[in-house]
Each structure stands twice: as structure tokens, then as C-alpha cells.
N, C-alpha and C. Protein backbone atom coordinates (compact mmCIF):
# COMPACT_ATOMS: atom_id res chain seq x y z
N MET A 1 9.60 -17.48 -16.96
CA MET A 1 9.33 -18.41 -18.04
C MET A 1 10.42 -19.47 -18.04
N HIS A 2 10.04 -20.74 -18.13
CA HIS A 2 10.97 -21.86 -18.08
C HIS A 2 11.45 -22.21 -19.49
N LYS A 3 12.76 -22.32 -19.66
CA LYS A 3 13.32 -22.69 -20.97
C LYS A 3 13.53 -24.20 -21.01
N THR A 4 13.44 -24.74 -22.20
CA THR A 4 13.60 -26.19 -22.39
C THR A 4 14.81 -26.49 -23.25
N GLY A 5 15.88 -25.74 -23.07
CA GLY A 5 17.09 -26.00 -23.84
C GLY A 5 16.98 -25.54 -25.27
N GLY A 6 16.14 -24.59 -25.56
CA GLY A 6 16.03 -24.08 -26.92
C GLY A 6 14.96 -24.76 -27.76
N TRP A 7 14.42 -25.85 -27.28
CA TRP A 7 13.38 -26.56 -28.03
C TRP A 7 12.02 -26.25 -27.44
N SER A 8 11.06 -26.06 -28.26
CA SER A 8 9.70 -25.82 -27.79
C SER A 8 9.05 -27.16 -27.48
N LEU A 9 8.28 -27.21 -26.41
CA LEU A 9 7.54 -28.44 -26.11
C LEU A 9 6.47 -28.72 -27.16
N PHE A 10 6.10 -27.72 -27.93
CA PHE A 10 5.06 -27.86 -28.93
C PHE A 10 5.63 -27.68 -30.32
N TRP A 11 6.83 -28.22 -30.53
CA TRP A 11 7.50 -28.11 -31.82
C TRP A 11 6.66 -28.80 -32.89
N LYS A 12 6.55 -28.15 -34.01
CA LYS A 12 5.78 -28.69 -35.13
C LYS A 12 6.59 -28.53 -36.40
N LYS A 13 6.73 -29.61 -37.14
CA LYS A 13 7.47 -29.56 -38.38
C LYS A 13 6.70 -28.70 -39.37
N LYS A 14 7.40 -27.77 -40.00
CA LYS A 14 6.73 -26.85 -40.92
C LYS A 14 6.73 -27.35 -42.35
N SER A 15 7.53 -28.35 -42.65
CA SER A 15 7.63 -28.86 -44.01
C SER A 15 6.51 -29.86 -44.28
N ASN A 16 6.04 -29.88 -45.50
CA ASN A 16 5.02 -30.85 -45.92
C ASN A 16 5.64 -32.01 -46.68
N ASP A 17 6.96 -32.22 -46.51
CA ASP A 17 7.66 -33.27 -47.24
C ASP A 17 7.14 -34.67 -46.90
N ASP A 18 6.69 -34.87 -45.67
CA ASP A 18 6.25 -36.18 -45.22
C ASP A 18 4.75 -36.38 -45.39
N GLU A 19 4.14 -35.64 -46.24
CA GLU A 19 2.70 -35.72 -46.44
C GLU A 19 2.32 -37.08 -47.01
N ILE A 20 1.28 -37.69 -46.47
CA ILE A 20 0.79 -38.97 -46.95
C ILE A 20 -0.39 -38.72 -47.86
N ILE A 21 -0.34 -39.32 -49.02
CA ILE A 21 -1.43 -39.16 -49.99
C ILE A 21 -2.08 -40.51 -50.20
N ILE A 22 -3.39 -40.57 -50.03
CA ILE A 22 -4.15 -41.78 -50.27
C ILE A 22 -5.08 -41.50 -51.44
N GLU A 23 -4.92 -42.28 -52.49
CA GLU A 23 -5.76 -42.08 -53.67
C GLU A 23 -6.97 -42.99 -53.59
N LEU A 24 -8.14 -42.43 -53.86
CA LEU A 24 -9.38 -43.18 -53.86
C LEU A 24 -9.94 -43.23 -55.26
N ASP A 25 -10.75 -44.24 -55.51
CA ASP A 25 -11.45 -44.30 -56.79
C ASP A 25 -12.32 -43.06 -56.94
N GLU A 26 -12.54 -42.64 -58.18
CA GLU A 26 -13.37 -41.45 -58.42
C GLU A 26 -14.77 -41.60 -57.85
N ASP A 27 -15.31 -42.83 -57.90
CA ASP A 27 -16.67 -43.03 -57.45
C ASP A 27 -16.76 -43.38 -55.95
N GLU A 28 -15.64 -43.35 -55.25
CA GLU A 28 -15.63 -43.65 -53.82
C GLU A 28 -16.15 -42.45 -53.03
N ARG A 29 -17.15 -42.69 -52.21
CA ARG A 29 -17.76 -41.60 -51.45
C ARG A 29 -17.41 -41.65 -49.97
N ARG A 30 -17.06 -42.84 -49.47
CA ARG A 30 -16.71 -42.93 -48.06
C ARG A 30 -15.32 -42.37 -47.85
N GLN A 31 -15.11 -41.75 -46.71
CA GLN A 31 -13.84 -41.08 -46.46
C GLN A 31 -13.00 -41.77 -45.40
N GLY A 32 -13.41 -42.90 -44.88
CA GLY A 32 -12.65 -43.61 -43.87
C GLY A 32 -11.90 -44.78 -44.47
N ILE A 33 -10.81 -45.18 -43.82
CA ILE A 33 -10.05 -46.36 -44.24
C ILE A 33 -10.85 -47.59 -43.82
N ARG A 34 -11.03 -48.49 -44.75
CA ARG A 34 -11.87 -49.66 -44.51
C ARG A 34 -11.03 -50.88 -44.17
N ILE A 35 -11.59 -51.77 -43.37
CA ILE A 35 -10.97 -53.07 -43.14
C ILE A 35 -11.97 -54.15 -43.50
N GLN A 36 -11.44 -55.27 -43.93
CA GLN A 36 -12.25 -56.43 -44.22
C GLN A 36 -12.00 -57.45 -43.12
N PRO A 37 -13.00 -57.72 -42.28
CA PRO A 37 -12.80 -58.63 -41.15
C PRO A 37 -12.36 -60.03 -41.61
N LEU A 38 -11.47 -60.65 -40.82
CA LEU A 38 -11.02 -62.00 -41.13
C LEU A 38 -12.13 -63.02 -40.92
N ASN A 39 -12.98 -62.78 -39.91
CA ASN A 39 -14.10 -63.68 -39.62
C ASN A 39 -15.40 -63.08 -40.14
N ASP A 40 -16.33 -63.96 -40.49
CA ASP A 40 -17.63 -63.49 -40.99
C ASP A 40 -18.41 -62.77 -39.91
N ILE A 41 -18.99 -61.64 -40.28
CA ILE A 41 -19.89 -60.89 -39.41
C ILE A 41 -21.19 -60.73 -40.18
N ILE A 42 -22.28 -61.08 -39.54
CA ILE A 42 -23.59 -61.04 -40.19
C ILE A 42 -24.29 -59.73 -39.86
N VAL A 43 -24.83 -59.08 -40.89
CA VAL A 43 -25.61 -57.85 -40.76
C VAL A 43 -27.07 -58.21 -40.98
N HIS A 44 -27.94 -57.77 -40.06
CA HIS A 44 -29.37 -58.06 -40.14
C HIS A 44 -30.13 -56.79 -40.48
N HIS A 45 -31.00 -56.90 -41.48
CA HIS A 45 -31.94 -55.83 -41.79
C HIS A 45 -33.29 -56.48 -42.03
N LYS A 46 -34.23 -56.18 -41.14
CA LYS A 46 -35.55 -56.84 -41.15
C LYS A 46 -35.31 -58.35 -41.11
N ALA A 47 -35.87 -59.11 -42.04
CA ALA A 47 -35.70 -60.57 -42.02
C ALA A 47 -34.50 -61.02 -42.86
N GLN A 48 -33.78 -60.08 -43.43
CA GLN A 48 -32.65 -60.40 -44.32
C GLN A 48 -31.34 -60.50 -43.54
N GLU A 49 -30.47 -61.40 -43.99
CA GLU A 49 -29.12 -61.52 -43.44
C GLU A 49 -28.11 -61.30 -44.56
N PHE A 50 -27.08 -60.52 -44.24
CA PHE A 50 -26.03 -60.21 -45.20
C PHE A 50 -24.68 -60.42 -44.53
N LYS A 51 -23.65 -60.56 -45.34
CA LYS A 51 -22.28 -60.67 -44.83
C LYS A 51 -21.63 -59.29 -44.88
N LEU A 52 -21.01 -58.89 -43.78
CA LEU A 52 -20.27 -57.64 -43.75
C LEU A 52 -19.05 -57.79 -44.67
N VAL A 53 -18.94 -56.90 -45.65
CA VAL A 53 -17.82 -56.93 -46.60
C VAL A 53 -16.65 -56.14 -46.04
N ASP A 54 -16.93 -54.92 -45.56
CA ASP A 54 -15.91 -54.09 -44.93
C ASP A 54 -16.58 -53.07 -44.02
N ILE A 55 -15.75 -52.47 -43.16
CA ILE A 55 -16.27 -51.50 -42.20
C ILE A 55 -15.20 -50.43 -41.97
N SER A 56 -15.66 -49.21 -41.73
CA SER A 56 -14.77 -48.10 -41.40
C SER A 56 -15.41 -47.31 -40.28
N PHE A 57 -14.73 -46.24 -39.83
CA PHE A 57 -15.31 -45.37 -38.82
C PHE A 57 -16.54 -44.65 -39.36
N MET A 58 -16.62 -44.52 -40.68
CA MET A 58 -17.68 -43.75 -41.32
C MET A 58 -18.86 -44.59 -41.81
N GLY A 59 -18.62 -45.86 -42.14
CA GLY A 59 -19.69 -46.66 -42.70
C GLY A 59 -19.29 -48.11 -42.91
N MET A 60 -20.10 -48.80 -43.68
CA MET A 60 -19.87 -50.22 -43.93
C MET A 60 -20.42 -50.61 -45.29
N ALA A 61 -20.02 -51.79 -45.73
CA ALA A 61 -20.59 -52.39 -46.94
C ALA A 61 -20.97 -53.82 -46.59
N PHE A 62 -22.11 -54.26 -47.14
CA PHE A 62 -22.53 -55.64 -46.92
C PHE A 62 -23.11 -56.19 -48.21
N ALA A 63 -23.17 -57.53 -48.29
CA ALA A 63 -23.63 -58.21 -49.50
C ALA A 63 -24.20 -59.57 -49.10
N PRO A 64 -24.86 -60.29 -49.98
CA PRO A 64 -25.23 -59.88 -51.33
C PRO A 64 -26.61 -59.22 -51.37
N ILE A 65 -26.73 -58.25 -52.21
CA ILE A 65 -28.00 -57.58 -52.48
C ILE A 65 -28.48 -58.10 -53.84
N SER A 66 -29.66 -58.65 -53.87
CA SER A 66 -30.18 -59.19 -55.12
C SER A 66 -30.78 -58.09 -55.98
N ASP A 67 -30.92 -58.36 -57.28
CA ASP A 67 -31.56 -57.41 -58.19
C ASP A 67 -32.98 -57.08 -57.75
N GLU A 68 -33.70 -58.09 -57.21
CA GLU A 68 -35.07 -57.86 -56.75
C GLU A 68 -35.11 -56.85 -55.61
N MET A 69 -34.12 -56.92 -54.71
CA MET A 69 -34.08 -55.98 -53.59
C MET A 69 -33.86 -54.55 -54.08
N VAL A 70 -33.02 -54.42 -55.09
CA VAL A 70 -32.75 -53.09 -55.64
C VAL A 70 -33.96 -52.57 -56.40
N THR A 71 -34.57 -53.39 -57.24
CA THR A 71 -35.71 -52.93 -58.03
C THR A 71 -36.94 -52.67 -57.17
N SER A 72 -37.03 -53.33 -56.01
CA SER A 72 -38.17 -53.07 -55.11
C SER A 72 -38.06 -51.69 -54.46
N GLY A 73 -36.86 -51.10 -54.50
CA GLY A 73 -36.66 -49.77 -53.93
C GLY A 73 -36.19 -49.78 -52.49
N ALA A 74 -36.09 -50.96 -51.87
CA ALA A 74 -35.67 -51.04 -50.47
C ALA A 74 -34.19 -50.70 -50.32
N TYR A 75 -33.40 -51.00 -51.33
CA TYR A 75 -31.95 -50.76 -51.27
C TYR A 75 -31.56 -49.90 -52.46
N LYS A 76 -31.79 -48.61 -52.32
CA LYS A 76 -31.41 -47.68 -53.37
C LYS A 76 -30.65 -46.53 -52.73
N ASN A 77 -29.97 -45.75 -53.54
CA ASN A 77 -29.24 -44.60 -53.00
C ASN A 77 -30.16 -43.73 -52.16
N THR A 78 -29.68 -43.30 -51.05
CA THR A 78 -30.35 -42.45 -50.04
C THR A 78 -31.33 -43.21 -49.15
N SER A 79 -31.57 -44.50 -49.39
CA SER A 79 -32.44 -45.27 -48.49
C SER A 79 -31.81 -45.30 -47.11
N GLN A 80 -32.65 -45.20 -46.07
CA GLN A 80 -32.16 -45.32 -44.71
C GLN A 80 -32.62 -46.65 -44.14
N LEU A 81 -31.68 -47.39 -43.55
CA LEU A 81 -31.96 -48.72 -43.05
C LEU A 81 -31.60 -48.82 -41.57
N SER A 82 -32.40 -49.55 -40.83
CA SER A 82 -32.06 -49.88 -39.44
C SER A 82 -31.46 -51.27 -39.47
N ILE A 83 -30.22 -51.39 -39.00
CA ILE A 83 -29.51 -52.67 -39.07
C ILE A 83 -29.02 -53.08 -37.69
N ALA A 84 -28.68 -54.35 -37.58
CA ALA A 84 -28.07 -54.89 -36.36
C ALA A 84 -26.94 -55.81 -36.78
N PHE A 85 -25.87 -55.82 -35.99
CA PHE A 85 -24.75 -56.73 -36.24
C PHE A 85 -24.00 -56.93 -34.94
N ARG A 86 -23.23 -58.02 -34.85
CA ARG A 86 -22.50 -58.34 -33.63
C ARG A 86 -21.01 -58.22 -33.89
N LEU A 87 -20.34 -57.50 -33.00
CA LEU A 87 -18.89 -57.34 -33.08
C LEU A 87 -18.27 -57.89 -31.80
N PRO A 88 -17.08 -58.47 -31.92
CA PRO A 88 -16.37 -58.83 -30.69
C PRO A 88 -15.92 -57.56 -29.99
N ALA A 89 -16.14 -57.48 -28.71
CA ALA A 89 -15.67 -56.35 -27.91
C ALA A 89 -14.57 -56.88 -27.00
N PHE A 90 -13.49 -56.18 -26.92
CA PHE A 90 -12.32 -56.67 -26.23
C PHE A 90 -12.25 -56.08 -24.83
N LYS A 91 -12.70 -56.85 -23.87
CA LYS A 91 -12.65 -56.48 -22.46
C LYS A 91 -11.67 -57.45 -21.81
N LYS A 92 -10.51 -56.96 -21.45
CA LYS A 92 -9.49 -57.85 -20.92
C LYS A 92 -10.01 -58.54 -19.68
N PRO A 93 -9.79 -59.83 -19.49
CA PRO A 93 -8.97 -60.70 -20.34
C PRO A 93 -9.76 -61.44 -21.41
N GLU A 94 -11.08 -61.31 -21.45
CA GLU A 94 -11.87 -62.09 -22.41
C GLU A 94 -12.42 -61.21 -23.54
N THR A 95 -12.90 -61.90 -24.56
CA THR A 95 -13.57 -61.24 -25.67
C THR A 95 -15.06 -61.57 -25.54
N ILE A 96 -15.88 -60.55 -25.56
CA ILE A 96 -17.33 -60.77 -25.53
C ILE A 96 -17.92 -60.25 -26.83
N THR A 97 -19.13 -60.64 -27.11
CA THR A 97 -19.80 -60.17 -28.33
C THR A 97 -20.81 -59.11 -27.97
N ILE A 98 -20.78 -58.01 -28.71
CA ILE A 98 -21.70 -56.90 -28.48
C ILE A 98 -22.62 -56.79 -29.70
N GLU A 99 -23.92 -56.78 -29.47
CA GLU A 99 -24.86 -56.57 -30.57
C GLU A 99 -25.13 -55.08 -30.70
N LEU A 100 -24.89 -54.56 -31.88
CA LEU A 100 -25.06 -53.13 -32.14
C LEU A 100 -26.25 -52.91 -33.06
N HIS A 101 -27.00 -51.87 -32.78
CA HIS A 101 -28.12 -51.45 -33.61
C HIS A 101 -27.83 -50.02 -34.05
N CYS A 102 -27.96 -49.76 -35.33
CA CYS A 102 -27.73 -48.40 -35.80
C CYS A 102 -28.46 -48.18 -37.13
N ASN A 103 -28.46 -46.94 -37.55
CA ASN A 103 -29.05 -46.57 -38.84
C ASN A 103 -27.94 -46.26 -39.82
N VAL A 104 -28.16 -46.67 -41.06
CA VAL A 104 -27.22 -46.37 -42.13
C VAL A 104 -27.99 -45.79 -43.31
N GLN A 105 -27.28 -45.05 -44.12
CA GLN A 105 -27.87 -44.53 -45.36
C GLN A 105 -27.10 -45.13 -46.52
N VAL A 106 -27.84 -45.69 -47.47
CA VAL A 106 -27.21 -46.28 -48.65
C VAL A 106 -26.62 -45.15 -49.49
N ILE A 107 -25.34 -45.28 -49.83
CA ILE A 107 -24.71 -44.27 -50.68
C ILE A 107 -24.42 -44.80 -52.07
N GLN A 108 -24.39 -46.15 -52.18
CA GLN A 108 -24.11 -46.71 -53.50
C GLN A 108 -24.37 -48.21 -53.48
N ILE A 109 -24.88 -48.72 -54.59
CA ILE A 109 -24.98 -50.16 -54.81
C ILE A 109 -23.96 -50.49 -55.89
N ARG A 110 -23.01 -51.36 -55.54
CA ARG A 110 -21.96 -51.79 -56.47
C ARG A 110 -22.13 -53.27 -56.73
N GLY A 111 -22.72 -53.61 -57.85
CA GLY A 111 -22.98 -55.02 -58.12
C GLY A 111 -23.95 -55.56 -57.09
N THR A 112 -23.46 -56.52 -56.27
CA THR A 112 -24.31 -57.09 -55.21
C THR A 112 -23.93 -56.54 -53.83
N THR A 113 -23.14 -55.48 -53.79
CA THR A 113 -22.69 -54.91 -52.52
C THR A 113 -23.39 -53.58 -52.24
N CYS A 114 -23.89 -53.43 -51.02
CA CYS A 114 -24.56 -52.21 -50.58
C CYS A 114 -23.58 -51.42 -49.72
N CYS A 115 -23.18 -50.24 -50.19
CA CYS A 115 -22.24 -49.36 -49.47
C CYS A 115 -23.04 -48.32 -48.72
N CYS A 116 -22.78 -48.19 -47.41
CA CYS A 116 -23.58 -47.32 -46.55
C CYS A 116 -22.69 -46.45 -45.66
N GLN A 117 -23.27 -45.36 -45.18
CA GLN A 117 -22.61 -44.55 -44.16
C GLN A 117 -23.48 -44.56 -42.92
N PHE A 118 -22.82 -44.50 -41.75
CA PHE A 118 -23.56 -44.46 -40.49
C PHE A 118 -24.23 -43.11 -40.34
N ILE A 119 -25.46 -43.12 -39.82
CA ILE A 119 -26.16 -41.86 -39.51
C ILE A 119 -26.73 -41.97 -38.10
N ASP A 120 -26.76 -40.84 -37.42
CA ASP A 120 -27.33 -40.77 -36.07
C ASP A 120 -26.80 -41.88 -35.17
N ILE A 121 -25.50 -42.11 -35.21
CA ILE A 121 -24.90 -43.20 -34.44
C ILE A 121 -24.60 -42.71 -33.03
N THR A 122 -24.86 -43.55 -32.04
CA THR A 122 -24.61 -43.16 -30.65
C THR A 122 -23.11 -43.19 -30.37
N PRO A 123 -22.65 -42.38 -29.43
CA PRO A 123 -21.23 -42.40 -29.08
C PRO A 123 -20.75 -43.79 -28.62
N GLU A 124 -21.61 -44.52 -27.92
CA GLU A 124 -21.25 -45.86 -27.46
C GLU A 124 -21.05 -46.82 -28.64
N THR A 125 -21.97 -46.78 -29.61
CA THR A 125 -21.84 -47.62 -30.79
C THR A 125 -20.59 -47.24 -31.57
N GLN A 126 -20.34 -45.95 -31.72
CA GLN A 126 -19.14 -45.48 -32.41
C GLN A 126 -17.88 -45.99 -31.71
N MET A 127 -17.87 -45.97 -30.39
CA MET A 127 -16.73 -46.46 -29.62
C MET A 127 -16.48 -47.94 -29.88
N TYR A 128 -17.53 -48.76 -29.88
CA TYR A 128 -17.36 -50.18 -30.13
C TYR A 128 -16.86 -50.44 -31.54
N ILE A 129 -17.36 -49.70 -32.51
CA ILE A 129 -16.90 -49.86 -33.89
C ILE A 129 -15.42 -49.49 -33.99
N GLU A 130 -15.03 -48.38 -33.37
CA GLU A 130 -13.63 -47.94 -33.39
C GLU A 130 -12.73 -48.98 -32.72
N GLN A 131 -13.15 -49.50 -31.55
CA GLN A 131 -12.37 -50.53 -30.87
C GLN A 131 -12.21 -51.77 -31.74
N PHE A 132 -13.29 -52.18 -32.39
CA PHE A 132 -13.23 -53.35 -33.25
C PHE A 132 -12.27 -53.13 -34.41
N ILE A 133 -12.36 -51.98 -35.07
CA ILE A 133 -11.50 -51.70 -36.23
C ILE A 133 -10.03 -51.71 -35.82
N LEU A 134 -9.70 -51.05 -34.72
CA LEU A 134 -8.31 -51.02 -34.27
C LEU A 134 -7.81 -52.41 -33.88
N ALA A 135 -8.63 -53.18 -33.16
CA ALA A 135 -8.24 -54.54 -32.78
C ALA A 135 -8.10 -55.43 -34.01
N GLU A 136 -9.00 -55.27 -34.97
CA GLU A 136 -8.95 -56.08 -36.19
C GLU A 136 -7.72 -55.73 -37.02
N GLN A 137 -7.36 -54.45 -37.09
CA GLN A 137 -6.14 -54.05 -37.79
C GLN A 137 -4.92 -54.69 -37.15
N LYS A 138 -4.84 -54.66 -35.82
CA LYS A 138 -3.72 -55.29 -35.11
C LYS A 138 -3.69 -56.78 -35.39
N ARG A 139 -4.86 -57.39 -35.34
CA ARG A 139 -4.95 -58.84 -35.58
C ARG A 139 -4.50 -59.20 -36.98
N GLN A 140 -4.90 -58.40 -37.98
CA GLN A 140 -4.51 -58.69 -39.36
C GLN A 140 -3.02 -58.48 -39.57
N ILE A 141 -2.44 -57.45 -38.93
CA ILE A 141 -0.99 -57.23 -39.04
C ILE A 141 -0.26 -58.40 -38.41
N HIS A 142 -0.71 -58.84 -37.23
CA HIS A 142 -0.09 -59.98 -36.55
C HIS A 142 -0.23 -61.24 -37.41
N HIS A 143 -1.40 -61.46 -37.97
CA HIS A 143 -1.65 -62.62 -38.83
C HIS A 143 -0.74 -62.60 -40.06
N ARG A 144 -0.63 -61.44 -40.69
CA ARG A 144 0.22 -61.28 -41.87
C ARG A 144 1.69 -61.51 -41.50
N HIS A 145 2.12 -60.96 -40.36
CA HIS A 145 3.50 -61.12 -39.90
C HIS A 145 3.81 -62.58 -39.63
N ASN A 146 2.90 -63.29 -38.98
CA ASN A 146 3.11 -64.73 -38.70
C ASN A 146 3.19 -65.53 -39.98
N ASN A 147 2.37 -65.22 -40.96
CA ASN A 147 2.41 -65.95 -42.24
C ASN A 147 3.71 -65.67 -42.98
N GLU A 148 4.22 -64.42 -42.93
CA GLU A 148 5.49 -64.09 -43.58
C GLU A 148 6.65 -64.80 -42.89
N THR A 149 6.60 -64.92 -41.56
CA THR A 149 7.65 -65.59 -40.80
C THR A 149 7.67 -67.07 -41.14
N ILE A 150 6.50 -67.69 -41.24
CA ILE A 150 6.41 -69.11 -41.57
C ILE A 150 6.93 -69.35 -42.97
N GLN A 151 6.58 -68.49 -43.94
CA GLN A 151 7.01 -68.68 -45.32
C GLN A 151 8.51 -68.49 -45.48
N SER A 152 9.12 -67.61 -44.67
CA SER A 152 10.55 -67.36 -44.82
C SER A 152 11.40 -68.43 -44.12
N SER A 153 10.76 -69.27 -43.31
CA SER A 153 11.51 -70.32 -42.59
C SER A 153 11.87 -71.47 -43.48
């Protein structure tokens, strides 16, 4: 058996002192961290176009949903929708646009915003969404950092 100087290669901190707690609203049902894209992304459902409000690994929200759409029953809790939207996909050295098609289930209507979770999503679609979220987070951090640097000058 090979020793590593007394330290285990699989050392794990036993203390919970560094635990991160994220508080959510009581009525929040989605469990993923959401981002709000800096650029507009259009979500298509049938002949309707909506603006993507936010997106997470678990779902998305889009708006505006009119009162007529809600009262017609097309956009109510538990409704399943087939949607399409385009995300930038980052293939070095260029950025290309990928059109994604997936199904979502409405979990809540908040004012004019439709909050949904992804259902029956393909691994490829999930991968593109994850890549977009991570790239967008980096972009927003870089954007915020540049704005703070300019303001402090």
C-alpha cells in the first residue's frame, strides 16, 4: 500500500461550517439557479412569440402571457407545451446559433410570466442549455467586472 505522507487522496472535510444556504421564495418551485440573458432570446410556441425572462438547468420563464391566453386554458398550471428557441452555442473559435425544440410543463403563471420546467428533454438539448448558462454566467461576470473597473477609474 502506497502512503501519501499521511494525507488521504480522498480527504473530505467533515465540518459543515462552510455550508452554503440559498433561500428561495415560499412559492418558488424551480430548484435550479436562474440566469437572465443579457441579449433577447425569443421563445416560440405555435404562432406565439415570447421573450425569455430567465433560464436554468431545470426550466425557464417567458413573457408576456396575456389574460386571454390564461383564461383560454392554453397556459395554465400543468399544461404541457412544445416550444422552440435559439441559443448561441460556443464552438471555438466562432459562436453559432442552435435552434432547440423541447417540451415544458407550466408550473406557475406569475402576472404575465409563464414559469415552466423542462420535461422529456434530450441529453443533447440539456448539454446546449448547460453550455449556454455557463457561458452566459461568465459573460455577465466579465461584463459586471468591466463596468466596475470603468466606474472606479
